[in-house]
Amino acid sequence: MKKHDRCIVIGASAGGVETLREVVAGLPADLRVPVFVVLHIPPYAASILPKILAKACPLPVIHAKDGERVSGGTVYVASPDHHLLIEGGRVAVKRGPKENRFRPSIDALFRSAAHVYGPGAVGVVLSGALDDGTSGLWSIQRTGGTVVIQQPGDARFDSMPRSALEYVVPDHLLPAAEMGPLLGRLALEPVPAAPPMDPHFEKLLAAEVKIAAEGGAFQKGIMELGTLTPFTCPECHGALARILNGLTLRFRCHTGHAYTDSALLEGVMECAGEMLWQVIRTLEESVMLLNNMGTHLREAGDMGRAEAFFTKARILEKRSRAFHDAALDHESLSGDNLGQKPEN
């Protein structure tokens, strides 16, 4: 794939189906560049997104197939539980490590577009929660590509557009209904010259694209490309390296899972909540077992030992209630909800 070719990559999450329909409905029927779409969808459900978008879009809309050649004028949609990537002149559909706890990941698609198309990439962030897409959009801009962001006031869920605006200066900020015609015009514009690249960023970008496709972050040098931290991955509990792209702070473990700081906080807090319920289950099982053993001893006539078991069961039951209260008070935290203004 030549760096002067163009492509359009679009990322959406919550509220994204309706927004994507608005965007693709405005695409010109004679568009000659490929369009790649990632929408966060559950891994356990079949996706009918191509059918939904095809009803509004004048172009063919299909689920991407691994290894097929990229064709201009086609909209490629990510499949459930698979990253959608670009590898040279072909589409890659891979089950690499999750990013921001998602697969498909918007960041993974955007980075691959930045790596392959350079200044010819056009990145679009639409409605969604949290901040997937921000880091990838930064990479597109860093390699000279074009940044398009939905106006937060137009988004059904504004966290993703707001996060992108916090770290990336958009070339175009507009409502979803106006994006289709804009993307058609951008596809016809000459591709600008690529900006000078920092060798460390180029090496990191290439490595992260490969990690999204294959995993094996340790073998691909992620520990040398980032800074080792005391944090561990909520997914696999591996060591996390800190990665700084501009002002965007990210983490990636040695097996390949990647997080923004907000997604990492959400994952850690979710693990804490799960561990509290595991402690409760273990304590309650211990109470039941102690009572069972005490009953057996009492029936055998050994009242002294039986009472010792019953006493210990009452102590553990009290501890279990304390953990139960802590679990009910446990919060699900992320940069998303911490950044919200408190309600009056």
C-alpha atoms as a PDB file:
ATOM      1  CA  MET A   1       0.000   0.000   0.000  1.00  0.00           C
ATOM      2  CA  LYS A   2       1.410   3.366  -0.980  1.00  0.00           C
ATOM      3  CA  LYS A   3       1.404   6.093   1.608  1.00  0.00           C
ATOM      4  CA  HIS A   4      -0.349   8.499  -0.779  1.00  0.00           C
ATOM      5  CA  ASP A   5      -3.513   6.368  -1.013  1.00  0.00           C
ATOM      6  CA  ARG A   6      -6.532   7.409   1.029  1.00  0.00           C
ATOM      7  CA  CYS A   7      -8.828   5.560   3.387  1.00  0.00           C
ATOM      8  CA  ILE A   8     -11.588   6.497   5.833  1.00  0.00           C
ATOM      9  CA  VAL A   9     -11.764   4.840   9.263  1.00  0.00           C
ATOM     10  CA  ILE A  10     -14.769   5.379  11.544  1.00  0.00           C
ATOM     11  CA  GLY A  11     -15.216   4.436  15.197  1.00  0.00           C
ATOM     12  CA  ALA A  12     -18.400   4.443  17.273  1.00  0.00           C
ATOM     13  CA  SER A  13     -19.759   2.882  20.443  1.00  0.00           C
ATOM     14  CA  ALA A  14     -22.905   3.658  22.459  1.00  0.00           C
ATOM     15  CA  GLY A  15     -25.452   5.401  20.236  1.00  0.00           C
ATOM     16  CA  GLY A  16     -23.345   4.476  17.232  1.00  0.00           C
ATOM     17  CA  VAL A  17     -25.803   2.552  15.074  1.00  0.00           C
ATOM     18  CA  GLU A  18     -28.082   5.529  14.441  1.00  0.00           C
ATOM     19  CA  THR A  19     -25.093   7.851  14.059  1.00  0.00           C
ATOM     20  CA  LEU A  20     -23.374   5.574  11.560  1.00  0.00           C
ATOM     21  CA  ARG A  21     -26.567   5.435   9.510  1.00  0.00           C
ATOM     22  CA  GLU A  22     -26.544   9.224   9.336  1.00  0.00           C
ATOM     23  CA  VAL A  23     -22.901   9.290   8.225  1.00  0.00           C
ATOM     24  CA  VAL A  24     -23.011   6.587   5.546  1.00  0.00           C
ATOM     25  CA  ALA A  25     -26.289   7.925   4.140  1.00  0.00           C
ATOM     26  CA  GLY A  26     -24.402  11.040   3.049  1.00  0.00           C
ATOM     27  CA  LEU A  27     -21.484   9.267   1.360  1.00  0.00           C
ATOM     28  CA  PRO A  28     -21.346   9.838  -2.404  1.00  0.00           C
ATOM     29  CA  ALA A  29     -22.263   6.874  -4.592  1.00  0.00           C
ATOM     30  CA  ASP A  30     -19.066   7.345  -6.613  1.00  0.00           C
ATOM     31  CA  LEU A  31     -16.708   7.277  -3.591  1.00  0.00           C
ATOM     32  CA  ARG A  32     -13.504   5.536  -4.638  1.00  0.00           C
ATOM     33  CA  VAL A  33     -11.747   5.053  -1.303  1.00  0.00           C
ATOM     34  CA  PRO A  34     -12.331   2.227   1.188  1.00  0.00           C
ATOM     35  CA  VAL A  35     -14.235   2.878   4.416  1.00  0.00           C
ATOM     36  CA  PHE A  36     -13.581   0.839   7.564  1.00  0.00           C
ATOM     37  CA  VAL A  37     -16.032   0.830  10.479  1.00  0.00           C
ATOM     38  CA  VAL A  38     -15.658  -0.375  14.066  1.00  0.00           C
ATOM     39  CA  LEU A  39     -18.680  -0.386  16.346  1.00  0.00           C
ATOM     40  CA  HIS A  40     -18.402  -1.861  19.834  1.00  0.00           C
ATOM     41  CA  ILE A  41     -20.687  -4.892  19.836  1.00  0.00           C
ATOM     42  CA  PRO A  42     -21.048  -7.886  22.202  1.00  0.00           C
ATOM     43  CA  PRO A  43     -18.797 -10.832  21.316  1.00  0.00           C
ATOM     44  CA  TYR A  44     -21.565 -13.390  21.802  1.00  0.00           C
ATOM     45  CA  ALA A  45     -24.115 -11.952  19.339  1.00  0.00           C
ATOM     46  CA  ALA A  46     -24.270 -12.060  15.559  1.00  0.00           C
ATOM     47  CA  SER A  47     -23.884  -8.653  13.925  1.00  0.00           C
ATOM     48  CA  ILE A  48     -26.432  -7.382  11.409  1.00  0.00           C
ATOM     49  CA  LEU A  49     -24.769  -3.974  11.176  1.00  0.00           C
ATOM     50  CA  PRO A  50     -23.895  -4.352   7.452  1.00  0.00           C
ATOM     51  CA  LYS A  51     -27.582  -4.966   6.668  1.00  0.00           C
ATOM     52  CA  ILE A  52     -28.638  -1.967   8.752  1.00  0.00           C
ATOM     53  CA  LEU A  53     -26.100   0.369   7.147  1.00  0.00           C
ATOM     54  CA  ALA A  54     -26.713  -0.967   3.626  1.00  0.00           C
ATOM     55  CA  LYS A  55     -30.303   0.273   3.784  1.00  0.00           C
ATOM     56  CA  ALA A  56     -29.026   3.847   4.101  1.00  0.00           C
ATOM     57  CA  CYS A  57     -25.682   3.692   2.276  1.00  0.00           C
ATOM     58  CA  PRO A  58     -25.257   4.003  -1.515  1.00  0.00           C
ATOM     59  CA  LEU A  59     -22.115   1.823  -1.353  1.00  0.00           C
ATOM     60  CA  PRO A  60     -21.689  -1.931  -0.732  1.00  0.00           C
ATOM     61  CA  VAL A  61     -21.471  -2.671   3.014  1.00  0.00           C
ATOM     62  CA  ILE A  62     -19.955  -5.996   4.085  1.00  0.00           C
ATOM     63  CA  HIS A  63     -18.370  -7.768   7.013  1.00  0.00           C
ATOM     64  CA  ALA A  64     -14.640  -7.724   6.396  1.00  0.00           C
ATOM     65  CA  LYS A  65     -12.969 -11.051   5.589  1.00  0.00           C
ATOM     66  CA  ASP A  66      -9.431 -11.804   6.665  1.00  0.00           C
ATOM     67  CA  GLY A  67      -6.938 -11.534   3.816  1.00  0.00           C
ATOM     68  CA  GLU A  68      -9.222 -10.023   1.187  1.00  0.00           C
ATOM     69  CA  ARG A  69      -7.875  -7.219  -0.960  1.00  0.00           C
ATOM     70  CA  VAL A  70      -8.917  -3.700  -0.043  1.00  0.00           C
ATOM     71  CA  SER A  71     -11.382  -2.360  -2.592  1.00  0.00           C
ATOM     72  CA  GLY A  72     -12.263   1.302  -3.016  1.00  0.00           C
ATOM     73  CA  GLY A  73     -15.906   2.264  -2.699  1.00  0.00           C
ATOM     74  CA  THR A  74     -16.629  -0.493  -0.176  1.00  0.00           C
ATOM     75  CA  VAL A  75     -17.612  -0.138   3.477  1.00  0.00           C
ATOM     76  CA  TYR A  76     -15.932  -2.816   5.620  1.00  0.00           C
ATOM     77  CA  VAL A  77     -17.528  -3.524   9.007  1.00  0.00           C
ATOM     78  CA  ALA A  78     -15.780  -5.234  11.914  1.00  0.00           C
ATOM     79  CA  SER A  79     -17.117  -8.629  13.021  1.00  0.00           C
ATOM     80  CA  PRO A  80     -17.930  -9.410  16.664  1.00  0.00           C
ATOM     81  CA  ASP A  81     -14.932 -10.351  18.839  1.00  0.00           C
ATOM     82  CA  HIS A  82     -12.412  -9.594  16.062  1.00  0.00           C
ATOM     83  CA  HIS A  83     -10.169  -6.606  15.451  1.00  0.00           C
ATOM     84  CA  LEU A  84     -10.519  -4.991  12.035  1.00  0.00           C
ATOM     85  CA  LEU A  85      -7.064  -3.980  10.782  1.00  0.00           C
ATOM     86  CA  ILE A  86      -5.368  -2.920   7.561  1.00  0.00           C
ATOM     87  CA  GLU A  87      -2.248  -4.804   6.480  1.00  0.00           C
ATOM     88  CA  GLY A  88      -0.758  -3.394   3.296  1.00  0.00           C
ATOM     89  CA  GLY A  89      -3.370  -3.734   0.559  1.00  0.00           C
ATOM     90  CA  ARG A  90      -5.384  -6.341   2.454  1.00  0.00           C
ATOM     91  CA  VAL A  91      -7.940  -6.463   5.226  1.00  0.00           C
ATOM     92  CA  ALA A  92      -6.990  -8.255   8.430  1.00  0.00           C
ATOM     93  CA  VAL A  93      -9.630  -9.731  10.768  1.00  0.00           C
ATOM     94  CA  LYS A  94      -7.831 -10.954  13.891  1.00  0.00           C
ATOM     95  CA  ARG A  95      -8.516 -12.089  17.455  1.00  0.00           C
ATOM     96  CA  GLY A  96      -5.566 -10.257  18.970  1.00  0.00           C
ATOM     97  CA  PRO A  97      -5.529  -8.942  22.551  1.00  0.00           C
ATOM     98  CA  LYS A  98      -8.375  -6.651  23.598  1.00  0.00           C
ATOM     99  CA  GLU A  99      -7.787  -2.911  23.738  1.00  0.00           C
ATOM    100  CA  ASN A 100      -9.675  -0.813  26.271  1.00  0.00           C
ATOM    101  CA  ARG A 101     -11.460  -4.083  27.052  1.00  0.00           C
ATOM    102  CA  PHE A 102     -12.921  -4.173  23.537  1.00  0.00           C
ATOM    103  CA  ARG A 103     -12.469  -6.398  20.518  1.00  0.00           C
ATOM    104  CA  PRO A 104     -12.971  -4.944  17.932  1.00  0.00           C
ATOM    105  CA  SER A 105     -11.069  -1.867  19.069  1.00  0.00           C
ATOM    106  CA  ILE A 106     -11.308   1.547  17.453  1.00  0.00           C
ATOM    107  CA  ASP A 107      -7.754   2.435  18.496  1.00  0.00           C
ATOM    108  CA  ALA A 108      -6.404  -0.734  16.856  1.00  0.00           C
ATOM    109  CA  LEU A 109      -8.094   0.077  13.526  1.00  0.00           C
ATOM    110  CA  PHE A 110      -7.000   3.723  13.621  1.00  0.00           C
ATOM    111  CA  ARG A 111      -3.363   2.826  14.355  1.00  0.00           C
ATOM    112  CA  SER A 112      -3.266   0.391  11.455  1.00  0.00           C
ATOM    113  CA  ALA A 113      -4.653   3.098   9.151  1.00  0.00           C
ATOM    114  CA  ALA A 114      -2.022   5.562  10.380  1.00  0.00           C
ATOM    115  CA  HIS A 115       0.704   2.965   9.837  1.00  0.00           C
ATOM    116  CA  VAL A 116      -0.372   1.958   6.325  1.00  0.00           C
ATOM    117  CA  TYR A 117      -1.883   5.140   4.861  1.00  0.00           C
ATOM    118  CA  GLY A 118       0.004   7.847   6.761  1.00  0.00           C
ATOM    119  CA  PRO A 119      -1.243  11.301   5.681  1.00  0.00           C
ATOM    120  CA  GLY A 120      -3.889   9.637   3.495  1.00  0.00           C
ATOM    121  CA  ALA A 121      -5.858   8.352   6.488  1.00  0.00           C
ATOM    122  CA  VAL A 122      -9.058  10.121   7.537  1.00  0.00           C
ATOM    123  CA  GLY A 123     -10.116   9.216  11.091  1.00  0.00           C
ATOM    124  CA  VAL A 124     -13.662   9.794  12.367  1.00  0.00           C
ATOM    125  CA  VAL A 125     -14.807   9.536  16.002  1.00  0.00           C
ATOM    126  CA  LEU A 126     -18.543   9.356  16.635  1.00  0.00           C
ATOM    127  CA  SER A 127     -20.905   8.829  19.566  1.00  0.00           C
ATOM    128  CA  GLY A 128     -19.696   6.558  22.362  1.00  0.00           C
ATOM    129  CA  ALA A 129     -18.827   6.124  26.019  1.00  0.00           C
ATOM    130  CA  LEU A 130     -15.342   6.240  27.543  1.00  0.00           C
ATOM    131  CA  ASP A 131     -12.380   7.025  25.261  1.00  0.00           C
ATOM    132  CA  ASP A 132     -11.626   4.300  22.723  1.00  0.00           C
ATOM    133  CA  GLY A 133     -10.450   5.987  19.525  1.00  0.00           C
ATOM    134  CA  THR A 134      -8.634   8.918  21.125  1.00  0.00           C
ATOM    135  CA  SER A 135      -5.175   7.349  21.046  1.00  0.00           C
ATOM    136  CA  GLY A 136      -5.646   6.014  17.519  1.00  0.00           C
ATOM    137  CA  LEU A 137      -6.902   9.380  16.321  1.00  0.00           C
ATOM    138  CA  TRP A 138      -3.794  10.995  17.809  1.00  0.00           C
ATOM    139  CA  SER A 139      -1.670   8.531  15.794  1.00  0.00           C
ATOM    140  CA  ILE A 140      -3.537   9.434  12.604  1.00  0.00           C
ATOM    141  CA  GLN A 141      -2.881  13.120  13.197  1.00  0.00           C
ATOM    142  CA  ARG A 142       0.756  12.455  14.127  1.00  0.00           C
ATOM    143  CA  THR A 143       1.332  10.721  10.781  1.00  0.00           C
ATOM    144  CA  GLY A 144      -0.251  13.640   8.892  1.00  0.00           C
ATOM    145  CA  GLY A 145      -3.781  12.261   8.491  1.00  0.00           C
ATOM    146  CA  THR A 146      -7.081  14.120   8.795  1.00  0.00           C
ATOM    147  CA  VAL A 147      -9.129  14.196  12.025  1.00  0.00           C
ATOM    148  CA  VAL A 148     -12.924  14.437  11.977  1.00  0.00           C
ATOM    149  CA  ILE A 149     -14.908  14.485  15.245  1.00  0.00           C
ATOM    150  CA  GLN A 150     -18.647  14.577  15.821  1.00  0.00           C
ATOM    151  CA  GLN A 151     -19.813  17.634  17.726  1.00  0.00           C
ATOM    152  CA  PRO A 152     -20.403  16.452  21.314  1.00  0.00           C
ATOM    153  CA  GLY A 153     -23.758  18.221  21.439  1.00  0.00           C
ATOM    154  CA  ASP A 154     -24.855  16.189  18.404  1.00  0.00           C
ATOM    155  CA  ALA A 155     -23.720  12.842  19.865  1.00  0.00           C
ATOM    156  CA  ARG A 156     -26.135  10.549  21.676  1.00  0.00           C
ATOM    157  CA  PHE A 157     -23.242   9.712  24.026  1.00  0.00           C
ATOM    158  CA  ASP A 158     -20.614  12.440  24.049  1.00  0.00           C
ATOM    159  CA  SER A 159     -17.728  10.859  26.012  1.00  0.00           C
ATOM    160  CA  MET A 160     -15.773   9.617  22.994  1.00  0.00           C
ATOM    161  CA  PRO A 161     -15.987  12.914  21.070  1.00  0.00           C
ATOM    162  CA  ARG A 162     -15.122  14.891  24.217  1.00  0.00           C
ATOM    163  CA  SER A 163     -12.142  12.667  24.967  1.00  0.00           C
ATOM    164  CA  ALA A 164     -10.860  13.033  21.409  1.00  0.00           C
ATOM    165  CA  LEU A 165     -11.223  16.821  21.605  1.00  0.00           C
ATOM    166  CA  GLU A 166      -9.237  16.869  24.843  1.00  0.00           C
ATOM    167  CA  TYR A 167      -6.148  15.387  23.191  1.00  0.00           C
ATOM    168  CA  VAL A 168      -6.489  16.013  19.447  1.00  0.00           C
ATOM    169  CA  VAL A 169      -7.120  19.225  17.531  1.00  0.00           C
ATOM    170  CA  PRO A 170      -9.745  18.346  14.908  1.00  0.00           C
ATOM    171  CA  ASP A 171      -9.512  19.360  11.290  1.00  0.00           C
ATOM    172  CA  HIS A 172     -13.304  19.158  11.154  1.00  0.00           C
ATOM    173  CA  LEU A 173     -15.852  19.287  13.998  1.00  0.00           C
ATOM    174  CA  LEU A 174     -19.429  18.872  12.804  1.00  0.00           C
ATOM    175  CA  PRO A 175     -22.750  17.001  13.208  1.00  0.00           C
ATOM    176  CA  ALA A 176     -23.005  13.424  11.944  1.00  0.00           C
ATOM    177  CA  ALA A 177     -25.532  14.350   9.251  1.00  0.00           C
ATOM    178  CA  GLU A 178     -22.944  16.616   7.590  1.00  0.00           C
ATOM    179  CA  MET A 179     -20.082  14.101   7.628  1.00  0.00           C
ATOM    180  CA  GLY A 180     -20.935  12.030   4.551  1.00  0.00           C
ATOM    181  CA  PRO A 181     -20.564  14.885   2.043  1.00  0.00           C
ATOM    182  CA  LEU A 182     -17.437  16.099   3.865  1.00  0.00           C
ATOM    183  CA  LEU A 183     -15.813  12.659   3.639  1.00  0.00           C
ATOM    184  CA  GLY A 184     -16.617  12.552  -0.053  1.00  0.00           C
ATOM    185  CA  ARG A 185     -14.811  15.875  -0.545  1.00  0.00           C
ATOM    186  CA  LEU A 186     -11.827  14.805   1.567  1.00  0.00           C
ATOM    187  CA  ALA A 187     -11.470  11.645  -0.531  1.00  0.00           C
ATOM    188  CA  LEU A 188     -10.852  13.835  -3.588  1.00  0.00           C
ATOM    189  CA  GLU A 189      -8.287  16.132  -1.978  1.00  0.00           C
ATOM    190  CA  PRO A 190      -4.564  15.679  -2.696  1.00  0.00           C
ATOM    191  CA  VAL A 191      -2.778  13.792   0.059  1.00  0.00           C
ATOM    192  CA  PRO A 192      -0.399  16.115   1.938  1.00  0.00           C
ATOM    193  CA  ALA A 193       3.268  15.323   2.449  1.00  0.00           C
ATOM    194  CA  ALA A 194       4.058  13.162   5.453  1.00  0.00           C
ATOM    195  CA  PRO A 195       5.469  15.049   8.445  1.00  0.00           C
ATOM    196  CA  PRO A 196       8.854  14.105   9.936  1.00  0.00           C
ATOM    197  CA  MET A 197       8.522  11.007  12.096  1.00  0.00           C
ATOM    198  CA  ASP A 198      10.144  10.301  15.432  1.00  0.00           C
ATOM    199  CA  PRO A 199      11.895   6.890  15.121  1.00  0.00           C
ATOM    200  CA  HIS A 200      10.633   5.746  18.533  1.00  0.00           C
ATOM    201  CA  PHE A 201       7.027   6.551  17.582  1.00  0.00           C
ATOM    202  CA  GLU A 202       7.383   4.759  14.239  1.00  0.00           C
ATOM    203  CA  LYS A 203       8.757   1.664  15.957  1.00  0.00           C
ATOM    204  CA  LEU A 204       6.032   1.740  18.625  1.00  0.00           C
ATOM    205  CA  LEU A 205       3.268   2.216  16.034  1.00  0.00           C
ATOM    206  CA  ALA A 206       4.490  -0.720  13.938  1.00  0.00           C
ATOM    207  CA  ALA A 207       4.799  -2.922  17.032  1.00  0.00           C
ATOM    208  CA  GLU A 208       1.318  -2.092  18.322  1.00  0.00           C
ATOM    209  CA  VAL A 209      -0.274  -2.845  14.946  1.00  0.00           C
ATOM    210  CA  LYS A 210       1.400  -6.273  14.990  1.00  0.00           C
ATOM    211  CA  ILE A 211       0.374  -6.866  18.604  1.00  0.00           C
ATOM    212  CA  ALA A 212      -3.277  -6.153  17.743  1.00  0.00           C
ATOM    213  CA  ALA A 213      -3.055  -8.800  15.029  1.00  0.00           C
ATOM    214  CA  GLU A 214      -0.880 -11.443  16.693  1.00  0.00           C
ATOM    215  CA  GLY A 215      -0.420 -10.729  20.402  1.00  0.00           C
ATOM    216  CA  GLY A 216       3.050 -11.469  21.731  1.00  0.00           C
ATOM    217  CA  ALA A 217       3.721  -7.983  23.056  1.00  0.00           C
ATOM    218  CA  PHE A 218       6.690  -9.159  25.119  1.00  0.00           C
ATOM    219  CA  GLN A 219       8.407 -10.693  22.086  1.00  0.00           C
ATOM    220  CA  LYS A 220       7.699  -7.511  20.112  1.00  0.00           C
ATOM    221  CA  GLY A 221       9.552  -5.387  22.684  1.00  0.00           C
ATOM    222  CA  ILE A 222       6.718  -3.582  24.453  1.00  0.00           C
ATOM    223  CA  MET A 223       8.660  -3.506  27.732  1.00  0.00           C
ATOM    224  CA  GLU A 224      11.489  -1.602  26.016  1.00  0.00           C
ATOM    225  CA  LEU A 225       9.119   0.685  24.099  1.00  0.00           C
ATOM    226  CA  GLY A 226       7.266   1.692  27.282  1.00  0.00           C
ATOM    227  CA  THR A 227       8.113   2.237  30.948  1.00  0.00           C
ATOM    228  CA  LEU A 228       7.490  -0.596  33.401  1.00  0.00           C
ATOM    229  CA  THR A 229       4.888   0.252  36.070  1.00  0.00           C
ATOM    230  CA  PRO A 230       3.751  -1.367  39.354  1.00  0.00           C
ATOM    231  CA  PHE A 231       0.293  -1.927  37.830  1.00  0.00           C
ATOM    232  CA  THR A 232      -1.034  -5.242  36.556  1.00  0.00           C
ATOM    233  CA  CYS A 233      -3.425  -6.077  33.748  1.00  0.00           C
ATOM    234  CA  PRO A 234      -7.041  -6.652  34.864  1.00  0.00           C
ATOM    235  CA  GLU A 235      -7.440  -9.183  32.056  1.00  0.00           C
ATOM    236  CA  CYS A 236      -4.412 -11.463  32.568  1.00  0.00           C
ATOM    237  CA  HIS A 237      -2.627  -9.919  35.593  1.00  0.00           C
ATOM    238  CA  GLY A 238       0.553  -9.398  33.587  1.00  0.00           C
ATOM    239  CA  ALA A 239       2.912  -6.461  34.146  1.00  0.00           C
ATOM    240  CA  LEU A 240       1.891  -3.207  32.467  1.00  0.00           C
ATOM    241  CA  ALA A 241       4.150  -0.821  30.566  1.00  0.00           C
ATOM    242  CA  ARG A 242       3.294   2.884  30.456  1.00  0.00           C
ATOM    243  CA  ILE A 243       3.081   4.453  26.991  1.00  0.00           C
ATOM    244  CA  LEU A 244       2.857   8.193  26.393  1.00  0.00           C
ATOM    245  CA  ASN A 245       1.696   9.492  22.992  1.00  0.00           C
ATOM    246  CA  GLY A 246       1.548  13.264  23.153  1.00  0.00           C
ATOM    247  CA  LEU A 247      -0.630  13.872  26.199  1.00  0.00           C
ATOM    248  CA  THR A 248      -2.478  10.553  25.934  1.00  0.00           C
ATOM    249  CA  LEU A 249      -1.476   8.100  28.668  1.00  0.00           C
ATOM    250  CA  ARG A 250      -1.874   4.391  27.941  1.00  0.00           C
ATOM    251  CA  PHE A 251      -0.791   1.032  29.327  1.00  0.00           C
ATOM    252  CA  ARG A 252      -0.069  -2.292  27.647  1.00  0.00           C
ATOM    253  CA  CYS A 253       0.746  -5.610  29.309  1.00  0.00           C
ATOM    254  CA  HIS A 254       3.407  -8.031  28.116  1.00  0.00           C
ATOM    255  CA  THR A 255       0.768 -10.352  26.631  1.00  0.00           C
ATOM    256  CA  GLY A 256      -0.747  -7.486  24.639  1.00  0.00           C
ATOM    257  CA  HIS A 257      -3.882  -6.130  26.370  1.00  0.00           C
ATOM    258  CA  ALA A 258      -4.007  -2.337  26.146  1.00  0.00           C
ATOM    259  CA  TYR A 259      -5.780   0.342  28.173  1.00  0.00           C
ATOM    260  CA  THR A 260      -6.155   4.051  28.386  1.00  0.00           C
ATOM    261  CA  ASP A 261      -5.789   5.287  31.957  1.00  0.00           C
ATOM    262  CA  SER A 262      -9.588   5.578  32.195  1.00  0.00           C
ATOM    263  CA  ALA A 263     -10.195   2.059  30.863  1.00  0.00           C
ATOM    264  CA  LEU A 264      -7.540   0.686  33.232  1.00  0.00           C
ATOM    265  CA  LEU A 265      -9.211   2.338  36.221  1.00  0.00           C
ATOM    266  CA  GLU A 266     -12.561   0.858  35.189  1.00  0.00           C
ATOM    267  CA  GLY A 267     -11.000  -2.586  34.810  1.00  0.00           C
ATOM    268  CA  VAL A 268      -9.189  -2.461  38.157  1.00  0.00           C
ATOM    269  CA  MET A 269     -12.328  -1.354  39.982  1.00  0.00           C
ATOM    270  CA  GLU A 270     -14.367  -4.095  38.318  1.00  0.00           C
ATOM    271  CA  CYS A 271     -11.787  -6.668  39.433  1.00  0.00           C
ATOM    272  CA  ALA A 272     -11.984  -5.277  42.973  1.00  0.00           C
ATOM    273  CA  GLY A 273     -15.762  -5.707  42.956  1.00  0.00           C
ATOM    274  CA  GLU A 274     -15.466  -9.280  41.678  1.00  0.00           C
ATOM    275  CA  MET A 275     -12.886 -10.103  44.360  1.00  0.00           C
ATOM    276  CA  LEU A 276     -15.181  -8.773  47.108  1.00  0.00           C
ATOM    277  CA  TRP A 277     -17.932 -11.150  45.997  1.00  0.00           C
ATOM    278  CA  GLN A 278     -15.419 -14.021  45.849  1.00  0.00           C
ATOM    279  CA  VAL A 279     -14.409 -13.282  49.455  1.00  0.00           C
ATOM    280  CA  ILE A 280     -18.086 -13.245  50.468  1.00  0.00           C
ATOM    281  CA  ARG A 281     -18.673 -16.584  48.749  1.00  0.00           C
ATOM    282  CA  THR A 282     -15.627 -18.131  50.444  1.00  0.00           C
ATOM    283  CA  LEU A 283     -16.624 -16.849  53.890  1.00  0.00           C
ATOM    284  CA  GLU A 284     -20.211 -18.060  53.492  1.00  0.00           C
ATOM    285  CA  GLU A 285     -18.996 -21.487  52.367  1.00  0.00           C
ATOM    286  CA  SER A 286     -16.740 -21.584  55.438  1.00  0.00           C
ATOM    287  CA  VAL A 287     -19.699 -20.693  57.688  1.00  0.00           C
ATOM    288  CA  MET A 288     -21.787 -23.482  56.184  1.00  0.00           C
ATOM    289  CA  LEU A 289     -18.957 -25.979  56.515  1.00  0.00           C
ATOM    290  CA  LEU A 290     -18.218 -25.007  60.149  1.00  0.00           C
ATOM    291  CA  ASN A 291     -21.909 -25.333  61.055  1.00  0.00           C
ATOM    292  CA  ASN A 292     -22.062 -28.689  59.312  1.00  0.00           C
ATOM    293  CA  MET A 293     -19.002 -29.930  61.210  1.00  0.00           C
ATOM    294  CA  GLY A 294     -20.383 -28.551  64.497  1.00  0.00           C
ATOM    295  CA  THR A 295     -23.705 -30.303  63.942  1.00  0.00           C
ATOM    296  CA  HIS A 296     -21.925 -33.575  63.251  1.00  0.00           C
ATOM    297  CA  LEU A 297     -19.923 -33.238  66.492  1.00  0.00           C
ATOM    298  CA  ARG A 298     -23.039 -32.332  68.497  1.00  0.00           C
ATOM    299  CA  GLU A 299     -24.877 -35.364  67.162  1.00  0.00           C
ATOM    300  CA  ALA A 300     -21.878 -37.445  68.197  1.00  0.00           C
ATOM    301  CA  GLY A 301     -22.159 -36.046  71.744  1.00  0.00           C
ATOM    302  CA  ASP A 302     -19.032 -33.867  71.656  1.00  0.00           C
ATOM    303  CA  MET A 303     -20.698 -30.594  72.728  1.00  0.00           C
ATOM    304  CA  GLY A 304     -17.457 -28.804  73.698  1.00  0.00           C
ATOM    305  CA  ARG A 305     -15.833 -29.135  70.292  1.00  0.00           C
ATOM    306  CA  ALA A 306     -19.171 -28.510  68.540  1.00  0.00           C
ATOM    307  CA  GLU A 307     -19.586 -25.150  70.284  1.00  0.00           C
ATOM    308  CA  ALA A 308     -16.060 -24.126  69.171  1.00  0.00           C
ATOM    309  CA  PHE A 309     -17.085 -24.707  65.556  1.00  0.00           C
ATOM    310  CA  PHE A 310     -20.387 -22.843  66.004  1.00  0.00           C
ATOM    311  CA  THR A 311     -18.555 -19.892  67.606  1.00  0.00           C
ATOM    312  CA  LYS A 312     -16.084 -19.659  64.735  1.00  0.00           C
ATOM    313  CA  ALA A 313     -18.990 -19.832  62.247  1.00  0.00           C
ATOM    314  CA  ARG A 314     -20.663 -16.832  63.929  1.00  0.00           C
ATOM    315  CA  ILE A 315     -17.393 -14.835  63.755  1.00  0.00           C
ATOM    316  CA  LEU A 316     -16.963 -15.539  60.022  1.00  0.00           C
ATOM    317  CA  GLU A 317     -20.619 -14.752  59.354  1.00  0.00           C
ATOM    318  CA  LYS A 318     -20.106 -11.318  60.930  1.00  0.00           C
ATOM    319  CA  ARG A 319     -17.047 -10.770  58.705  1.00  0.00           C
ATOM    320  CA  SER A 320     -19.053 -11.866  55.691  1.00  0.00           C
ATOM    321  CA  ARG A 321     -21.715  -9.235  56.421  1.00  0.00           C
ATOM    322  CA  ALA A 322     -19.003  -6.540  56.566  1.00  0.00           C
ATOM    323  CA  PHE A 323     -17.666  -7.591  53.142  1.00  0.00           C
ATOM    324  CA  HIS A 324     -21.233  -7.732  51.820  1.00  0.00           C
ATOM    325  CA  ASP A 325     -21.788  -4.111  52.865  1.00  0.00           C
ATOM    326  CA  ALA A 326     -18.477  -3.149  51.202  1.00  0.00           C
ATOM    327  CA  ALA A 327     -19.506  -4.910  47.975  1.00  0.00           C
ATOM    328  CA  LEU A 328     -22.832  -3.081  47.898  1.00  0.00           C
ATOM    329  CA  ASP A 329     -21.026   0.248  48.408  1.00  0.00           C
ATOM    330  CA  HIS A 330     -18.386  -0.561  45.780  1.00  0.00           C
ATOM    331  CA  GLU A 331     -18.267   1.932  42.903  1.00  0.00           C
ATOM    332  CA  SER A 332     -17.592   1.381  39.236  1.00  0.00           C
ATOM    333  CA  LEU A 333     -15.077   4.120  38.487  1.00  0.00           C
ATOM    334  CA  SER A 334     -13.602   5.428  35.251  1.00  0.00           C
ATOM    335  CA  GLY A 335     -12.327   8.712  33.951  1.00  0.00           C
ATOM    336  CA  ASP A 336     -15.755   8.994  32.335  1.00  0.00           C
ATOM    337  CA  ASN A 337     -17.909   9.129  35.472  1.00  0.00           C
ATOM    338  CA  LEU A 338     -15.289  10.896  37.602  1.00  0.00           C
ATOM    339  CA  GLY A 339     -15.207  13.709  35.054  1.00  0.00           C
ATOM    340  CA  GLN A 340     -18.950  14.273  35.230  1.00  0.00           C
ATOM    341  CA  LYS A 341     -20.289  17.254  37.116  1.00  0.00           C
ATOM    342  CA  PRO A 342     -22.195  16.263  40.262  1.00  0.00           C
ATOM    343  CA  GLU A 343     -25.963  16.498  40.036  1.00  0.00           C
ATOM    344  CA  ASN A 344     -27.657  19.256  42.002  1.00  0.00           C
END
